[in-house]
Amino acid sequence: MARKSRQVETRMVSEYLKVNYSKFPFIVKQPLGAVSEKLLKEEGYERAMGITRPFRPEVDAVVILPRYLLIIEAKVWSLVNGLAKLPLYKSLVPVTPELKEYMPREVLMQLVVGWTNTNLQVMARDLGVEVKVYCPDWLEKVKEDMHKYWTREYQEQRQAKLKMREYFGVE
């Protein structure tokens, strides 16, 4: 049986937006960064956006607040990577064509995680990123499973499972 993809972070950010920002307009999966003026003139707005889409980074969400744009990155795995991306994403907001109509606004950054720790909080504070914990019941199970991943018992079970897959030629 093929492994199923779990859209954990997609669900997490969608629910988080609904719970916390349903009164405000928001955009999910917003591409960021400049698009060549030459390309815009030659191809037109829609086509230029489509051509450049694979080469522009994507922030999980942008919330349009009255005086601010809030960029949100939601992470279940690789929390530090999500944190590190936010200041880089923030730098691209002013040159993002899709967000021009909302400027000028100050850009705020938020990292939404299922859990946090002191080190993440310290790094976030120094980067000007607000950390928000969002962990509904369904995510609690994912978090528990993930935290078990590094235990010796889990690693032994995983190695046994991988050997069986190899033996039977199953992916």
N, C-alpha and C. Protein backbone atom coordinates (compact mmCIF):
# COMPACT_ATOMS: atom_id res chain seq x y z
N MET A 1 0.85 -1.17 0.00
CA MET A 1 0.00 0.00 0.00
C MET A 1 0.90 1.24 0.00
N ALA A 2 0.56 2.19 -0.85
CA ALA A 2 1.34 3.42 -0.94
C ALA A 2 1.12 4.28 0.29
N ARG A 3 2.18 4.98 0.67
CA ARG A 3 2.06 5.89 1.80
C ARG A 3 1.22 7.09 1.41
N LYS A 4 0.40 7.54 2.34
CA LYS A 4 -0.46 8.69 2.08
C LYS A 4 0.24 9.96 2.53
N SER A 5 0.09 10.99 1.73
CA SER A 5 0.64 12.29 2.10
C SER A 5 -0.30 12.94 3.10
N ARG A 6 0.26 13.45 4.17
CA ARG A 6 -0.56 14.16 5.15
C ARG A 6 -0.26 15.64 5.02
N GLN A 7 -1.25 16.40 4.65
CA GLN A 7 -1.08 17.84 4.49
C GLN A 7 -1.20 18.52 5.85
N VAL A 8 -0.32 18.16 6.76
CA VAL A 8 -0.41 18.61 8.14
C VAL A 8 -0.26 20.12 8.25
N GLU A 9 0.80 20.68 7.65
CA GLU A 9 1.03 22.12 7.77
C GLU A 9 -0.03 22.93 7.03
N THR A 10 -0.52 22.41 5.92
CA THR A 10 -1.59 23.09 5.18
C THR A 10 -2.84 23.18 6.03
N ARG A 11 -3.21 22.07 6.64
CA ARG A 11 -4.39 22.06 7.51
C ARG A 11 -4.16 22.96 8.72
N MET A 12 -2.95 22.89 9.27
CA MET A 12 -2.63 23.69 10.45
C MET A 12 -2.81 25.18 10.17
N VAL A 13 -2.25 25.67 9.08
CA VAL A 13 -2.33 27.10 8.79
C VAL A 13 -3.77 27.50 8.45
N SER A 14 -4.49 26.65 7.75
CA SER A 14 -5.89 26.96 7.41
C SER A 14 -6.75 27.11 8.67
N GLU A 15 -6.61 26.16 9.57
CA GLU A 15 -7.37 26.22 10.82
C GLU A 15 -6.94 27.41 11.68
N TYR A 16 -5.65 27.65 11.74
CA TYR A 16 -5.13 28.75 12.53
C TYR A 16 -5.69 30.09 12.03
N LEU A 17 -5.72 30.27 10.72
CA LEU A 17 -6.28 31.49 10.14
C LEU A 17 -7.76 31.64 10.48
N LYS A 18 -8.49 30.54 10.37
CA LYS A 18 -9.93 30.58 10.66
C LYS A 18 -10.18 30.96 12.12
N VAL A 19 -9.41 30.37 13.02
CA VAL A 19 -9.60 30.61 14.45
C VAL A 19 -9.17 32.03 14.85
N ASN A 20 -8.07 32.52 14.27
CA ASN A 20 -7.47 33.76 14.75
C ASN A 20 -7.67 34.99 13.87
N TYR A 21 -7.93 34.79 12.58
CA TYR A 21 -7.97 35.94 11.67
C TYR A 21 -9.15 35.92 10.70
N SER A 22 -10.23 35.27 11.07
CA SER A 22 -11.37 35.14 10.15
C SER A 22 -12.02 36.49 9.84
N LYS A 23 -11.79 37.51 10.66
CA LYS A 23 -12.39 38.83 10.42
C LYS A 23 -11.59 39.66 9.41
N PHE A 24 -10.43 39.16 9.00
CA PHE A 24 -9.56 39.91 8.10
C PHE A 24 -9.35 39.15 6.79
N PRO A 25 -9.11 39.88 5.71
CA PRO A 25 -8.77 39.18 4.46
C PRO A 25 -7.39 38.54 4.61
N PHE A 26 -7.23 37.37 4.01
CA PHE A 26 -5.92 36.73 4.02
C PHE A 26 -5.70 35.98 2.72
N ILE A 27 -4.45 35.71 2.45
CA ILE A 27 -4.03 35.00 1.24
C ILE A 27 -3.19 33.82 1.72
N VAL A 28 -3.45 32.64 1.19
CA VAL A 28 -2.61 31.49 1.52
C VAL A 28 -1.72 31.16 0.33
N LYS A 29 -0.57 30.57 0.66
CA LYS A 29 0.41 30.18 -0.36
C LYS A 29 0.75 31.34 -1.29
N GLN A 30 1.14 32.46 -0.70
CA GLN A 30 1.44 33.67 -1.47
C GLN A 30 2.88 33.64 -1.98
N PRO A 31 3.05 33.67 -3.32
CA PRO A 31 4.40 33.80 -3.86
C PRO A 31 4.95 35.18 -3.51
N LEU A 32 6.24 35.25 -3.29
CA LEU A 32 6.88 36.50 -2.91
C LEU A 32 8.02 36.83 -3.86
N GLY A 33 8.29 38.12 -3.98
CA GLY A 33 9.43 38.58 -4.76
C GLY A 33 9.04 39.29 -6.03
N ALA A 34 10.03 39.91 -6.63
CA ALA A 34 9.83 40.72 -7.83
C ALA A 34 9.58 39.84 -9.05
N VAL A 35 8.90 40.43 -10.00
CA VAL A 35 8.70 39.82 -11.31
C VAL A 35 9.25 40.84 -12.30
N SER A 36 10.04 40.39 -13.23
CA SER A 36 10.69 41.26 -14.19
C SER A 36 9.69 42.16 -14.92
N GLU A 37 9.98 43.46 -14.92
CA GLU A 37 9.14 44.42 -15.65
C GLU A 37 9.10 44.08 -17.14
N LYS A 38 10.25 43.67 -17.65
CA LYS A 38 10.33 43.29 -19.07
C LYS A 38 9.38 42.13 -19.37
N LEU A 39 9.40 41.12 -18.50
CA LEU A 39 8.53 39.97 -18.68
C LEU A 39 7.06 40.37 -18.56
N LEU A 40 6.75 41.24 -17.62
CA LEU A 40 5.37 41.73 -17.46
C LEU A 40 4.89 42.43 -18.74
N LYS A 41 5.74 43.24 -19.34
CA LYS A 41 5.37 43.96 -20.57
C LYS A 41 5.24 43.01 -21.76
N GLU A 42 6.17 42.07 -21.85
CA GLU A 42 6.17 41.15 -23.00
C GLU A 42 5.06 40.11 -22.93
N GLU A 43 4.80 39.58 -21.74
CA GLU A 43 3.88 38.46 -21.60
C GLU A 43 2.53 38.83 -21.00
N GLY A 44 2.44 39.99 -20.38
CA GLY A 44 1.22 40.35 -19.67
C GLY A 44 1.29 39.85 -18.24
N TYR A 45 0.48 40.45 -17.40
CA TYR A 45 0.53 40.19 -15.96
C TYR A 45 0.30 38.72 -15.62
N GLU A 46 -0.81 38.15 -16.07
CA GLU A 46 -1.17 36.76 -15.70
C GLU A 46 -0.12 35.76 -16.16
N ARG A 47 0.31 35.87 -17.41
CA ARG A 47 1.29 34.92 -17.95
C ARG A 47 2.64 35.08 -17.24
N ALA A 48 3.06 36.31 -17.00
CA ALA A 48 4.34 36.55 -16.31
C ALA A 48 4.31 35.95 -14.91
N MET A 49 3.18 36.10 -14.23
CA MET A 49 3.06 35.51 -12.89
C MET A 49 3.16 34.00 -12.97
N GLY A 50 2.52 33.41 -13.95
CA GLY A 50 2.57 31.95 -14.11
C GLY A 50 3.96 31.45 -14.44
N ILE A 51 4.65 32.16 -15.32
CA ILE A 51 6.01 31.76 -15.73
C ILE A 51 6.97 31.81 -14.55
N THR A 52 6.86 32.85 -13.73
CA THR A 52 7.81 33.02 -12.63
C THR A 52 7.42 32.27 -11.36
N ARG A 53 6.22 31.75 -11.29
CA ARG A 53 5.71 31.10 -10.07
C ARG A 53 6.65 30.06 -9.48
N PRO A 54 7.22 29.16 -10.28
CA PRO A 54 8.08 28.12 -9.69
C PRO A 54 9.39 28.67 -9.10
N PHE A 55 9.73 29.91 -9.43
CA PHE A 55 11.02 30.45 -9.01
C PHE A 55 10.90 31.48 -7.89
N ARG A 56 9.71 31.64 -7.36
CA ARG A 56 9.49 32.60 -6.29
C ARG A 56 9.16 31.84 -5.00
N PRO A 57 9.78 32.25 -3.89
CA PRO A 57 9.45 31.58 -2.62
C PRO A 57 8.00 31.82 -2.23
N GLU A 58 7.47 30.95 -1.40
CA GLU A 58 6.05 31.01 -1.03
C GLU A 58 5.91 31.04 0.49
N VAL A 59 5.20 32.05 0.98
CA VAL A 59 4.90 32.13 2.41
C VAL A 59 3.55 31.46 2.62
N ASP A 60 3.37 30.81 3.76
CA ASP A 60 2.14 30.07 4.01
C ASP A 60 0.90 30.96 4.00
N ALA A 61 1.01 32.16 4.57
CA ALA A 61 -0.16 33.05 4.59
C ALA A 61 0.27 34.50 4.77
N VAL A 62 -0.59 35.38 4.25
CA VAL A 62 -0.46 36.82 4.47
C VAL A 62 -1.82 37.29 4.96
N VAL A 63 -1.84 37.93 6.12
CA VAL A 63 -3.08 38.49 6.66
C VAL A 63 -3.01 40.00 6.46
N ILE A 64 -4.07 40.56 5.87
CA ILE A 64 -4.12 41.99 5.63
C ILE A 64 -4.84 42.65 6.79
N LEU A 65 -4.06 43.21 7.69
CA LEU A 65 -4.59 43.92 8.85
C LEU A 65 -4.70 45.40 8.51
N PRO A 66 -5.47 46.17 9.27
CA PRO A 66 -5.66 47.59 8.92
C PRO A 66 -4.35 48.37 8.75
N ARG A 67 -3.37 48.13 9.62
CA ARG A 67 -2.13 48.89 9.53
C ARG A 67 -0.90 48.03 9.23
N TYR A 68 -1.09 46.74 9.11
CA TYR A 68 0.05 45.83 8.94
C TYR A 68 -0.27 44.74 7.92
N LEU A 69 0.80 44.16 7.38
CA LEU A 69 0.71 42.88 6.69
C LEU A 69 1.39 41.88 7.61
N LEU A 70 0.71 40.80 7.90
CA LEU A 70 1.25 39.76 8.76
C LEU A 70 1.60 38.56 7.89
N ILE A 71 2.88 38.20 7.85
CA ILE A 71 3.26 37.00 7.11
C ILE A 71 3.41 35.86 8.11
N ILE A 72 2.86 34.71 7.73
CA ILE A 72 2.81 33.56 8.63
C ILE A 72 3.45 32.35 7.96
N GLU A 73 4.32 31.70 8.70
CA GLU A 73 4.88 30.42 8.29
C GLU A 73 4.49 29.41 9.36
N ALA A 74 3.85 28.31 8.97
CA ALA A 74 3.44 27.27 9.91
C ALA A 74 4.37 26.08 9.75
N LYS A 75 4.86 25.57 10.87
CA LYS A 75 5.80 24.46 10.82
C LYS A 75 5.48 23.41 11.87
N VAL A 76 5.53 22.15 11.42
CA VAL A 76 5.43 21.00 12.31
C VAL A 76 6.80 20.34 12.38
N TRP A 77 7.48 20.27 11.25
CA TRP A 77 8.84 19.76 11.17
C TRP A 77 9.75 20.93 10.81
N SER A 78 11.00 20.83 11.10
CA SER A 78 11.99 21.85 10.72
C SER A 78 11.59 23.25 11.18
N LEU A 79 11.34 23.39 12.47
CA LEU A 79 10.90 24.67 13.02
C LEU A 79 11.91 25.79 12.76
N VAL A 80 13.18 25.49 12.92
CA VAL A 80 14.20 26.51 12.73
C VAL A 80 14.24 26.98 11.27
N ASN A 81 14.04 26.08 10.35
CA ASN A 81 14.00 26.47 8.93
C ASN A 81 12.86 27.45 8.67
N GLY A 82 11.71 27.17 9.26
CA GLY A 82 10.58 28.08 9.11
C GLY A 82 10.87 29.44 9.71
N LEU A 83 11.50 29.44 10.86
CA LEU A 83 11.88 30.69 11.51
C LEU A 83 12.86 31.47 10.64
N ALA A 84 13.86 30.79 10.11
CA ALA A 84 14.90 31.44 9.31
C ALA A 84 14.34 32.05 8.02
N LYS A 85 13.31 31.46 7.47
CA LYS A 85 12.73 31.96 6.22
C LYS A 85 12.01 33.29 6.39
N LEU A 86 11.39 33.50 7.54
CA LEU A 86 10.52 34.67 7.70
C LEU A 86 11.19 36.01 7.44
N PRO A 87 12.37 36.31 8.02
CA PRO A 87 13.00 37.60 7.71
C PRO A 87 13.35 37.75 6.22
N LEU A 88 13.71 36.64 5.59
CA LEU A 88 14.00 36.67 4.15
C LEU A 88 12.73 36.96 3.36
N TYR A 89 11.65 36.31 3.75
CA TYR A 89 10.36 36.56 3.11
C TYR A 89 9.93 38.01 3.30
N LYS A 90 10.13 38.53 4.51
CA LYS A 90 9.74 39.91 4.81
C LYS A 90 10.43 40.88 3.85
N SER A 91 11.67 40.61 3.53
CA SER A 91 12.41 41.50 2.63
C SER A 91 11.81 41.52 1.22
N LEU A 92 11.11 40.48 0.85
CA LEU A 92 10.52 40.39 -0.49
C LEU A 92 9.13 41.02 -0.60
N VAL A 93 8.46 41.22 0.54
CA VAL A 93 7.09 41.74 0.52
C VAL A 93 6.97 43.07 -0.25
N PRO A 94 7.85 44.05 -0.02
CA PRO A 94 7.68 45.33 -0.71
C PRO A 94 7.82 45.26 -2.24
N VAL A 95 8.49 44.22 -2.76
CA VAL A 95 8.66 44.10 -4.21
C VAL A 95 7.74 43.05 -4.83
N THR A 96 6.80 42.55 -4.06
CA THR A 96 5.86 41.53 -4.54
C THR A 96 4.68 42.21 -5.23
N PRO A 97 4.52 42.02 -6.54
CA PRO A 97 3.44 42.71 -7.26
C PRO A 97 2.04 42.47 -6.69
N GLU A 98 1.77 41.23 -6.26
CA GLU A 98 0.44 40.90 -5.76
C GLU A 98 0.10 41.63 -4.46
N LEU A 99 1.10 42.14 -3.77
CA LEU A 99 0.87 42.81 -2.48
C LEU A 99 1.00 44.33 -2.56
N LYS A 100 1.31 44.86 -3.73
CA LYS A 100 1.51 46.31 -3.88
C LYS A 100 0.30 47.12 -3.42
N GLU A 101 -0.90 46.63 -3.70
CA GLU A 101 -2.10 47.38 -3.34
C GLU A 101 -2.27 47.56 -1.83
N TYR A 102 -1.57 46.73 -1.05
CA TYR A 102 -1.70 46.81 0.41
C TYR A 102 -0.58 47.64 1.05
N MET A 103 0.32 48.14 0.23
CA MET A 103 1.46 48.89 0.76
C MET A 103 1.13 50.38 0.71
N PRO A 104 1.73 51.23 1.54
CA PRO A 104 2.75 50.86 2.52
C PRO A 104 2.13 50.39 3.83
N ARG A 105 2.61 49.31 4.31
CA ARG A 105 2.26 48.78 5.62
C ARG A 105 3.51 48.16 6.22
N GLU A 106 3.63 48.22 7.52
CA GLU A 106 4.72 47.52 8.18
C GLU A 106 4.42 46.03 8.09
N VAL A 107 5.47 45.23 7.96
CA VAL A 107 5.31 43.78 7.85
C VAL A 107 5.68 43.13 9.18
N LEU A 108 4.73 42.36 9.72
CA LEU A 108 4.95 41.59 10.94
C LEU A 108 5.16 40.13 10.55
N MET A 109 5.87 39.40 11.40
CA MET A 109 6.17 38.00 11.11
C MET A 109 5.70 37.11 12.26
N GLN A 110 5.13 35.97 11.88
CA GLN A 110 4.62 35.04 12.88
C GLN A 110 4.98 33.62 12.45
N LEU A 111 5.54 32.86 13.38
CA LEU A 111 5.82 31.45 13.17
C LEU A 111 4.80 30.67 14.00
N VAL A 112 4.01 29.83 13.34
CA VAL A 112 3.00 29.03 14.02
C VAL A 112 3.52 27.60 14.12
N VAL A 113 3.60 27.11 15.35
CA VAL A 113 4.19 25.80 15.61
C VAL A 113 3.28 24.99 16.54
N GLY A 114 3.50 23.68 16.55
CA GLY A 114 2.73 22.81 17.43
C GLY A 114 3.27 22.78 18.84
N TRP A 115 4.49 23.22 19.04
CA TRP A 115 5.14 23.30 20.34
C TRP A 115 6.32 24.24 20.19
N THR A 116 6.87 24.65 21.30
CA THR A 116 8.03 25.54 21.24
C THR A 116 9.00 25.16 22.33
N ASN A 117 10.14 25.82 22.36
CA ASN A 117 11.12 25.62 23.41
C ASN A 117 11.89 26.93 23.59
N THR A 118 12.69 26.98 24.61
CA THR A 118 13.41 28.21 24.95
C THR A 118 14.30 28.68 23.81
N ASN A 119 15.02 27.77 23.19
CA ASN A 119 15.94 28.17 22.11
C ASN A 119 15.19 28.79 20.93
N LEU A 120 14.08 28.20 20.56
CA LEU A 120 13.28 28.75 19.46
C LEU A 120 12.78 30.15 19.83
N GLN A 121 12.34 30.31 21.06
CA GLN A 121 11.85 31.61 21.52
C GLN A 121 12.96 32.67 21.48
N VAL A 122 14.15 32.32 21.90
CA VAL A 122 15.27 33.26 21.90
C VAL A 122 15.61 33.67 20.47
N MET A 123 15.73 32.70 19.58
CA MET A 123 16.06 33.01 18.18
C MET A 123 14.97 33.87 17.55
N ALA A 124 13.72 33.53 17.80
CA ALA A 124 12.60 34.28 17.23
C ALA A 124 12.60 35.72 17.73
N ARG A 125 12.81 35.88 19.01
CA ARG A 125 12.84 37.23 19.59
C ARG A 125 13.89 38.08 18.90
N ASP A 126 15.08 37.52 18.70
CA ASP A 126 16.16 38.28 18.08
C ASP A 126 15.90 38.59 16.61
N LEU A 127 15.04 37.82 15.96
CA LEU A 127 14.68 38.07 14.56
C LEU A 127 13.42 38.92 14.42
N GLY A 128 12.78 39.23 15.54
CA GLY A 128 11.54 40.00 15.47
C GLY A 128 10.34 39.18 15.02
N VAL A 129 10.39 37.88 15.30
CA VAL A 129 9.32 36.96 14.90
C VAL A 129 8.53 36.57 16.15
N GLU A 130 7.21 36.64 16.03
CA GLU A 130 6.34 36.20 17.11
C GLU A 130 6.06 34.70 16.92
N VAL A 131 6.24 33.93 17.97
CA VAL A 131 5.95 32.49 17.92
C VAL A 131 4.59 32.25 18.53
N LYS A 132 3.73 31.55 17.79
CA LYS A 132 2.39 31.18 18.28
C LYS A 132 2.28 29.66 18.28
N VAL A 133 1.83 29.12 19.39
CA VAL A 133 1.62 27.67 19.47
C VAL A 133 0.17 27.38 19.11
N TYR A 134 -0.02 26.51 18.13
CA TYR A 134 -1.35 26.07 17.74
C TYR A 134 -1.28 24.55 17.64
N CYS A 135 -1.95 23.87 18.57
CA CYS A 135 -1.86 22.41 18.60
C CYS A 135 -3.21 21.79 18.98
N PRO A 136 -4.13 21.73 18.02
CA PRO A 136 -5.40 21.05 18.29
C PRO A 136 -5.17 19.55 18.48
N ASP A 137 -6.19 18.85 18.90
CA ASP A 137 -6.07 17.42 19.22
C ASP A 137 -5.45 16.60 18.09
N TRP A 138 -5.90 16.84 16.86
CA TRP A 138 -5.38 16.04 15.74
C TRP A 138 -3.88 16.25 15.55
N LEU A 139 -3.39 17.44 15.85
CA LEU A 139 -1.97 17.73 15.70
C LEU A 139 -1.15 17.18 16.88
N GLU A 140 -1.78 17.05 18.00
CA GLU A 140 -1.12 16.48 19.19
C GLU A 140 -0.59 15.08 18.86
N LYS A 141 -1.38 14.27 18.17
CA LYS A 141 -0.97 12.91 17.79
C LYS A 141 0.24 12.96 16.85
N VAL A 142 0.22 13.86 15.88
CA VAL A 142 1.35 14.01 14.96
C VAL A 142 2.60 14.40 15.74
N LYS A 143 2.45 15.35 16.65
CA LYS A 143 3.57 15.82 17.48
C LYS A 143 4.15 14.67 18.31
N GLU A 144 3.29 13.90 18.94
CA GLU A 144 3.76 12.77 19.76
C GLU A 144 4.53 11.76 18.92
N ASP A 145 3.98 11.45 17.75
CA ASP A 145 4.65 10.50 16.86
C ASP A 145 6.02 11.03 16.43
N MET A 146 6.07 12.32 16.13
CA MET A 146 7.32 12.91 15.69
C MET A 146 8.36 12.91 16.81
N HIS A 147 7.94 13.21 18.01
CA HIS A 147 8.88 13.23 19.12
C HIS A 147 9.40 11.82 19.45
N LYS A 148 8.61 10.79 19.13
CA LYS A 148 9.06 9.41 19.33
C LYS A 148 10.08 8.98 18.28
N TYR A 149 10.11 9.69 17.15
CA TYR A 149 10.95 9.31 16.01
C TYR A 149 12.41 9.11 16.41
N TRP A 150 12.90 9.92 17.31
CA TRP A 150 14.32 9.89 17.66
C TRP A 150 14.65 8.90 18.77
N THR A 151 13.65 8.20 19.30
CA THR A 151 13.94 7.23 20.37
C THR A 151 14.57 5.96 19.78
N ARG A 152 15.34 5.28 20.59
CA ARG A 152 16.00 4.06 20.12
C ARG A 152 14.97 3.01 19.69
N GLU A 153 13.90 2.87 20.47
CA GLU A 153 12.88 1.87 20.14
C GLU A 153 12.27 2.14 18.76
N TYR A 154 11.96 3.39 18.50
CA TYR A 154 11.35 3.72 17.21
C TYR A 154 12.35 3.44 16.07
N GLN A 155 13.59 3.85 16.25
CA GLN A 155 14.60 3.65 15.21
C GLN A 155 14.82 2.16 14.93
N GLU A 156 14.79 1.33 15.98
CA GLU A 156 14.93 -0.11 15.77
C GLU A 156 13.75 -0.66 14.98
N GLN A 157 12.53 -0.24 15.33
CA GLN A 157 11.34 -0.68 14.60
C GLN A 157 11.39 -0.20 13.15
N ARG A 158 11.84 1.02 12.95
CA ARG A 158 11.93 1.58 11.60
C ARG A 158 12.93 0.79 10.75
N GLN A 159 14.08 0.46 11.32
CA GLN A 159 15.09 -0.30 10.58
C GLN A 159 14.55 -1.68 10.20
N ALA A 160 13.82 -2.31 11.11
CA ALA A 160 13.22 -3.62 10.82
C ALA A 160 12.21 -3.50 9.67
N LYS A 161 11.41 -2.44 9.72
CA LYS A 161 10.41 -2.22 8.67
C LYS A 161 11.09 -1.97 7.32
N LEU A 162 12.15 -1.19 7.30
CA LEU A 162 12.87 -0.91 6.06
C LEU A 162 13.50 -2.18 5.49
N LYS A 163 14.03 -3.04 6.37
CA LYS A 163 14.61 -4.31 5.90
C LYS A 163 13.54 -5.19 5.28
N MET A 164 12.34 -5.21 5.88
CA MET A 164 11.23 -6.00 5.32
C MET A 164 10.81 -5.44 3.95
N ARG A 165 10.73 -4.14 3.85
CA ARG A 165 10.38 -3.53 2.57
C ARG A 165 11.39 -3.91 1.49
N GLU A 166 12.68 -3.84 1.85
CA GLU A 166 13.71 -4.18 0.90
C GLU A 166 13.61 -5.67 0.51
N TYR A 167 13.40 -6.53 1.50
CA TYR A 167 13.30 -7.97 1.26
C TYR A 167 12.16 -8.30 0.29
N PHE A 168 11.00 -7.62 0.50
CA PHE A 168 9.84 -7.88 -0.35
C PHE A 168 9.77 -6.99 -1.59
N GLY A 169 10.73 -6.08 -1.74
CA GLY A 169 10.76 -5.20 -2.90
C GLY A 169 9.61 -4.19 -2.92
N VAL A 170 9.25 -3.74 -1.75
CA VAL A 170 8.13 -2.79 -1.62
C VAL A 170 8.68 -1.42 -1.25
N GLU A 171 8.14 -0.40 -1.87
CA GLU A 171 8.55 0.97 -1.51
C GLU A 171 7.79 1.47 -0.32
